[in-house]
Amino acid sequence: MGPGIMIQFKAGGRFFMGLNVVSLSGGGCSVKISNTLAASLRPDQLLSRVLIQHPSIPRLPLLGKISWIRGKQLELGDDSVLMGIEFSEADEAFTNAVDAYVLELLKASQ
C-alpha cells in the first residue's frame, strides 16, 4: 500500500489509533495490528468512527465491522496479525477518492 496510510476506529468502547493499513479499497481494508490489541477484537464486531488517515482520502467517519483476523504473520517480522475491516455505507465521495488513489498507485508501480 502507499506510504503512510493509517486507520483509527472505536470498538467495544475503546479507541484504536495509528494502525497501519496494508491494503485498501472502497469497500474495506486490511490492517496490521499487534497481537495484544487484536486479542480484544473478534470477527463480526461492529466498529464506529472509522477514519482513514491520508491526505488524498476524505476524513469521513465510517461505520464498519471486522471481517476476519489472521494469526501471527511470520513475514511481518514482529508480533503482528492482520485484520480485515469491511466498511458499511461508505459515502460515494470516500469510495471515489479511495478508488482514484489506488488507481494512481497502480499506475505509478508500472
N, C-alpha and C. Protein backbone atom coordinates (compact mmCIF):
# COMPACT_ATOMS: atom_id res chain seq x y z
N MET A 1 0.86 -1.18 0.00
CA MET A 1 0.00 0.00 0.00
C MET A 1 0.89 1.22 0.00
N GLY A 2 0.31 2.34 -0.32
CA GLY A 2 1.05 3.58 -0.37
C GLY A 2 1.61 3.98 0.98
N PRO A 3 2.51 4.93 0.98
CA PRO A 3 3.16 5.34 2.22
C PRO A 3 2.21 6.06 3.18
N GLY A 4 2.33 5.72 4.43
CA GLY A 4 1.68 6.48 5.48
C GLY A 4 0.18 6.42 5.59
N ILE A 5 -0.46 5.34 5.16
CA ILE A 5 -1.90 5.24 5.33
C ILE A 5 -2.18 4.60 6.69
N MET A 6 -2.90 5.31 7.51
CA MET A 6 -3.23 4.84 8.85
C MET A 6 -4.75 4.79 9.00
N ILE A 7 -5.19 4.09 10.03
CA ILE A 7 -6.62 3.99 10.32
C ILE A 7 -6.82 4.11 11.83
N GLN A 8 -7.97 4.62 12.20
CA GLN A 8 -8.40 4.62 13.59
C GLN A 8 -9.86 4.22 13.63
N PHE A 9 -10.29 3.65 14.75
CA PHE A 9 -11.68 3.26 14.91
C PHE A 9 -11.98 3.05 16.38
N LYS A 10 -13.27 2.92 16.66
CA LYS A 10 -13.74 2.63 18.02
C LYS A 10 -14.42 1.27 18.00
N ALA A 11 -14.05 0.42 18.93
CA ALA A 11 -14.64 -0.92 19.04
C ALA A 11 -14.82 -1.25 20.51
N GLY A 12 -16.04 -1.64 20.86
CA GLY A 12 -16.29 -2.03 22.25
C GLY A 12 -15.96 -0.96 23.26
N GLY A 13 -16.22 0.30 22.93
CA GLY A 13 -15.96 1.39 23.87
C GLY A 13 -14.51 1.81 23.96
N ARG A 14 -13.65 1.24 23.13
CA ARG A 14 -12.21 1.53 23.17
C ARG A 14 -11.76 2.07 21.82
N PHE A 15 -10.89 3.09 21.85
CA PHE A 15 -10.36 3.66 20.62
C PHE A 15 -9.06 2.95 20.23
N PHE A 16 -8.91 2.69 18.94
CA PHE A 16 -7.70 2.12 18.37
C PHE A 16 -7.20 3.14 17.35
N MET A 17 -5.96 3.60 17.50
CA MET A 17 -5.45 4.67 16.66
C MET A 17 -4.06 4.33 16.14
N GLY A 18 -3.72 4.92 14.98
CA GLY A 18 -2.38 4.80 14.44
C GLY A 18 -2.03 3.42 13.91
N LEU A 19 -3.02 2.69 13.41
CA LEU A 19 -2.76 1.36 12.87
C LEU A 19 -2.43 1.47 11.38
N ASN A 20 -1.45 0.69 10.94
CA ASN A 20 -1.02 0.71 9.54
C ASN A 20 -1.98 -0.06 8.64
N VAL A 21 -2.40 0.59 7.56
CA VAL A 21 -3.23 -0.06 6.54
C VAL A 21 -2.29 -0.79 5.58
N VAL A 22 -2.58 -2.07 5.35
CA VAL A 22 -1.76 -2.90 4.47
C VAL A 22 -2.34 -2.93 3.06
N SER A 23 -3.65 -2.98 2.95
CA SER A 23 -4.32 -2.91 1.65
C SER A 23 -5.63 -2.14 1.84
N LEU A 24 -6.09 -1.50 0.74
CA LEU A 24 -7.24 -0.61 0.85
C LEU A 24 -8.05 -0.66 -0.43
N SER A 25 -9.37 -0.66 -0.27
CA SER A 25 -10.29 -0.49 -1.39
C SER A 25 -11.46 0.34 -0.88
N GLY A 26 -12.37 0.70 -1.78
CA GLY A 26 -13.54 1.46 -1.37
C GLY A 26 -14.46 0.69 -0.43
N GLY A 27 -14.33 -0.63 -0.41
CA GLY A 27 -15.19 -1.46 0.42
C GLY A 27 -14.59 -1.91 1.73
N GLY A 28 -13.27 -1.70 1.90
CA GLY A 28 -12.66 -2.14 3.14
C GLY A 28 -11.15 -2.08 3.07
N CYS A 29 -10.52 -2.64 4.09
CA CYS A 29 -9.06 -2.62 4.16
C CYS A 29 -8.57 -3.76 5.02
N SER A 30 -7.27 -4.00 4.94
CA SER A 30 -6.65 -4.90 5.91
C SER A 30 -5.63 -4.08 6.69
N VAL A 31 -5.49 -4.42 7.95
CA VAL A 31 -4.74 -3.61 8.90
C VAL A 31 -3.75 -4.50 9.63
N LYS A 32 -2.57 -3.96 9.86
CA LYS A 32 -1.57 -4.62 10.70
C LYS A 32 -1.82 -4.15 12.13
N ILE A 33 -2.01 -5.11 13.04
CA ILE A 33 -2.31 -4.78 14.43
C ILE A 33 -1.56 -5.73 15.34
N SER A 34 -1.12 -5.25 16.48
CA SER A 34 -0.38 -6.11 17.40
C SER A 34 -1.30 -7.21 17.92
N ASN A 35 -0.71 -8.34 18.19
CA ASN A 35 -1.45 -9.47 18.74
C ASN A 35 -2.12 -9.09 20.05
N THR A 36 -1.47 -8.25 20.84
CA THR A 36 -2.03 -7.81 22.12
C THR A 36 -3.33 -7.03 21.92
N LEU A 37 -3.32 -6.07 20.97
CA LEU A 37 -4.54 -5.29 20.70
C LEU A 37 -5.61 -6.15 20.06
N ALA A 38 -5.22 -7.04 19.16
CA ALA A 38 -6.18 -7.88 18.46
C ALA A 38 -6.90 -8.84 19.40
N ALA A 39 -6.29 -9.16 20.53
CA ALA A 39 -6.89 -10.11 21.46
C ALA A 39 -8.25 -9.65 21.97
N SER A 40 -8.50 -8.34 21.98
CA SER A 40 -9.78 -7.83 22.48
C SER A 40 -10.82 -7.68 21.37
N LEU A 41 -10.47 -8.06 20.14
CA LEU A 41 -11.36 -7.90 19.00
C LEU A 41 -11.79 -9.26 18.47
N ARG A 42 -12.90 -9.28 17.70
CA ARG A 42 -13.39 -10.54 17.15
C ARG A 42 -14.07 -10.30 15.81
N PRO A 43 -14.08 -11.31 14.94
CA PRO A 43 -14.79 -11.16 13.67
C PRO A 43 -16.27 -10.83 13.90
N ASP A 44 -16.83 -10.04 13.00
CA ASP A 44 -18.21 -9.55 13.03
C ASP A 44 -18.44 -8.46 14.07
N GLN A 45 -17.41 -8.05 14.78
CA GLN A 45 -17.55 -6.96 15.75
C GLN A 45 -17.76 -5.65 14.99
N LEU A 46 -18.75 -4.88 15.43
CA LEU A 46 -19.05 -3.60 14.79
C LEU A 46 -18.05 -2.53 15.21
N LEU A 47 -17.73 -1.66 14.27
CA LEU A 47 -16.79 -0.57 14.50
C LEU A 47 -17.48 0.75 14.20
N SER A 48 -17.16 1.76 14.97
CA SER A 48 -17.66 3.10 14.69
C SER A 48 -16.47 4.05 14.59
N ARG A 49 -16.75 5.25 14.13
CA ARG A 49 -15.72 6.29 14.00
C ARG A 49 -14.48 5.79 13.25
N VAL A 50 -14.71 5.02 12.19
CA VAL A 50 -13.62 4.53 11.37
C VAL A 50 -13.14 5.69 10.50
N LEU A 51 -11.85 6.03 10.59
CA LEU A 51 -11.27 7.12 9.81
C LEU A 51 -9.98 6.65 9.16
N ILE A 52 -9.89 6.83 7.85
CA ILE A 52 -8.66 6.58 7.12
C ILE A 52 -7.87 7.89 7.16
N GLN A 53 -6.61 7.80 7.52
CA GLN A 53 -5.79 8.99 7.66
C GLN A 53 -4.76 9.07 6.54
N HIS A 54 -5.10 9.84 5.50
CA HIS A 54 -4.20 10.09 4.39
C HIS A 54 -4.69 11.33 3.66
N PRO A 55 -3.78 12.20 3.23
CA PRO A 55 -4.21 13.47 2.62
C PRO A 55 -5.02 13.32 1.32
N SER A 56 -4.90 12.20 0.63
CA SER A 56 -5.64 12.00 -0.62
C SER A 56 -7.05 11.46 -0.41
N ILE A 57 -7.38 11.13 0.84
CA ILE A 57 -8.66 10.48 1.13
C ILE A 57 -9.44 11.33 2.13
N PRO A 58 -10.70 11.65 1.82
CA PRO A 58 -11.50 12.48 2.74
C PRO A 58 -11.63 11.85 4.13
N ARG A 59 -11.53 12.69 5.14
CA ARG A 59 -11.67 12.22 6.53
C ARG A 59 -13.15 12.17 6.89
N LEU A 60 -13.83 11.18 6.37
CA LEU A 60 -15.25 10.99 6.64
C LEU A 60 -15.40 9.82 7.61
N PRO A 61 -16.06 10.04 8.74
CA PRO A 61 -16.25 8.92 9.68
C PRO A 61 -17.13 7.85 9.06
N LEU A 62 -16.68 6.61 9.15
CA LEU A 62 -17.39 5.47 8.59
C LEU A 62 -17.80 4.51 9.68
N LEU A 63 -18.73 3.66 9.34
CA LEU A 63 -19.05 2.50 10.17
C LEU A 63 -18.40 1.30 9.50
N GLY A 64 -18.17 0.27 10.27
CA GLY A 64 -17.58 -0.93 9.69
C GLY A 64 -17.74 -2.11 10.60
N LYS A 65 -17.16 -3.22 10.16
CA LYS A 65 -17.12 -4.41 11.00
C LYS A 65 -15.85 -5.17 10.68
N ILE A 66 -15.40 -5.93 11.63
CA ILE A 66 -14.22 -6.77 11.44
C ILE A 66 -14.65 -7.99 10.65
N SER A 67 -14.02 -8.20 9.50
CA SER A 67 -14.36 -9.34 8.64
C SER A 67 -13.62 -10.59 9.07
N TRP A 68 -12.35 -10.43 9.40
CA TRP A 68 -11.51 -11.57 9.76
C TRP A 68 -10.29 -11.09 10.53
N ILE A 69 -9.70 -12.01 11.27
CA ILE A 69 -8.42 -11.77 11.95
C ILE A 69 -7.56 -12.99 11.69
N ARG A 70 -6.38 -12.78 11.12
CA ARG A 70 -5.45 -13.86 10.81
C ARG A 70 -4.37 -13.91 11.88
N GLY A 71 -3.97 -15.11 12.23
CA GLY A 71 -2.96 -15.30 13.27
C GLY A 71 -1.62 -14.67 12.93
N LYS A 72 -0.67 -14.88 13.79
CA LYS A 72 0.66 -14.28 13.67
C LYS A 72 1.21 -14.50 12.26
N GLN A 73 1.67 -13.41 11.67
CA GLN A 73 2.20 -13.42 10.31
C GLN A 73 3.73 -13.35 10.38
N LEU A 74 4.39 -14.45 10.17
CA LEU A 74 5.85 -14.50 10.30
C LEU A 74 6.53 -13.51 9.37
N GLU A 75 5.96 -13.28 8.18
CA GLU A 75 6.60 -12.36 7.24
C GLU A 75 6.54 -10.90 7.71
N LEU A 76 5.70 -10.59 8.68
CA LEU A 76 5.64 -9.23 9.21
C LEU A 76 6.81 -8.95 10.16
N GLY A 77 7.46 -10.02 10.62
CA GLY A 77 8.68 -9.87 11.42
C GLY A 77 8.47 -9.37 12.84
N ASP A 78 7.28 -9.41 13.34
CA ASP A 78 7.05 -8.97 14.71
C ASP A 78 5.80 -9.66 15.25
N ASP A 79 5.28 -9.15 16.32
CA ASP A 79 4.12 -9.78 16.99
C ASP A 79 2.81 -9.23 16.43
N SER A 80 2.71 -9.13 15.11
CA SER A 80 1.51 -8.55 14.50
C SER A 80 0.64 -9.62 13.86
N VAL A 81 -0.62 -9.27 13.75
CA VAL A 81 -1.57 -10.09 12.99
C VAL A 81 -2.21 -9.16 11.95
N LEU A 82 -2.89 -9.75 10.98
CA LEU A 82 -3.63 -8.97 10.00
C LEU A 82 -5.11 -9.07 10.31
N MET A 83 -5.82 -7.96 10.09
CA MET A 83 -7.24 -7.91 10.38
C MET A 83 -7.94 -7.23 9.21
N GLY A 84 -9.05 -7.81 8.75
CA GLY A 84 -9.84 -7.23 7.68
C GLY A 84 -10.99 -6.40 8.23
N ILE A 85 -11.17 -5.22 7.67
CA ILE A 85 -12.28 -4.34 8.05
C ILE A 85 -13.13 -4.07 6.82
N GLU A 86 -14.41 -4.32 6.94
CA GLU A 86 -15.36 -4.03 5.87
C GLU A 86 -16.09 -2.74 6.21
N PHE A 87 -16.06 -1.77 5.28
CA PHE A 87 -16.76 -0.50 5.51
C PHE A 87 -18.25 -0.69 5.25
N SER A 88 -19.08 -0.07 6.09
CA SER A 88 -20.53 -0.11 5.92
C SER A 88 -21.00 1.26 5.46
N GLU A 89 -21.84 1.27 4.44
CA GLU A 89 -22.46 2.50 3.98
C GLU A 89 -21.45 3.61 3.73
N ALA A 90 -20.35 3.29 3.05
CA ALA A 90 -19.33 4.29 2.77
C ALA A 90 -19.88 5.34 1.83
N ASP A 91 -19.60 6.59 2.11
CA ASP A 91 -20.01 7.72 1.29
C ASP A 91 -19.39 7.60 -0.10
N GLU A 92 -20.12 8.01 -1.12
CA GLU A 92 -19.64 7.91 -2.50
C GLU A 92 -18.36 8.72 -2.71
N ALA A 93 -18.25 9.88 -2.07
CA ALA A 93 -17.04 10.70 -2.20
C ALA A 93 -15.83 9.95 -1.64
N PHE A 94 -16.02 9.25 -0.54
CA PHE A 94 -14.94 8.45 0.05
C PHE A 94 -14.54 7.33 -0.90
N THR A 95 -15.52 6.57 -1.38
CA THR A 95 -15.25 5.44 -2.27
C THR A 95 -14.54 5.90 -3.54
N ASN A 96 -15.01 6.99 -4.13
CA ASN A 96 -14.38 7.51 -5.34
C ASN A 96 -12.95 7.96 -5.08
N ALA A 97 -12.70 8.61 -3.94
CA ALA A 97 -11.35 9.06 -3.61
C ALA A 97 -10.41 7.88 -3.40
N VAL A 98 -10.88 6.85 -2.72
CA VAL A 98 -10.05 5.65 -2.50
C VAL A 98 -9.75 4.98 -3.83
N ASP A 99 -10.77 4.80 -4.66
CA ASP A 99 -10.56 4.17 -5.96
C ASP A 99 -9.55 4.95 -6.80
N ALA A 100 -9.64 6.27 -6.79
CA ALA A 100 -8.71 7.11 -7.55
C ALA A 100 -7.29 6.98 -7.00
N TYR A 101 -7.16 6.93 -5.68
CA TYR A 101 -5.84 6.80 -5.05
C TYR A 101 -5.21 5.44 -5.39
N VAL A 102 -6.00 4.39 -5.32
CA VAL A 102 -5.49 3.05 -5.63
C VAL A 102 -5.07 2.99 -7.11
N LEU A 103 -5.86 3.57 -8.00
CA LEU A 103 -5.51 3.60 -9.42
C LEU A 103 -4.21 4.36 -9.64
N GLU A 104 -4.04 5.46 -8.93
CA GLU A 104 -2.80 6.25 -9.00
C GLU A 104 -1.60 5.39 -8.57
N LEU A 105 -1.74 4.64 -7.50
CA LEU A 105 -0.66 3.76 -7.05
C LEU A 105 -0.34 2.69 -8.07
N LEU A 106 -1.38 2.10 -8.66
CA LEU A 106 -1.17 1.06 -9.66
C LEU A 106 -0.43 1.62 -10.88
N LYS A 107 -0.80 2.79 -11.33
CA LYS A 107 -0.13 3.41 -12.48
C LYS A 107 1.34 3.72 -12.16
N ALA A 108 1.58 4.19 -10.95
CA ALA A 108 2.96 4.53 -10.54
C ALA A 108 3.84 3.31 -10.43
N SER A 109 3.26 2.14 -10.17
CA SER A 109 4.05 0.93 -10.00
C SER A 109 4.38 0.24 -11.32
N GLN A 110 3.83 0.72 -12.43
CA GLN A 110 4.06 0.07 -13.73
C GLN A 110 5.27 0.64 -14.43
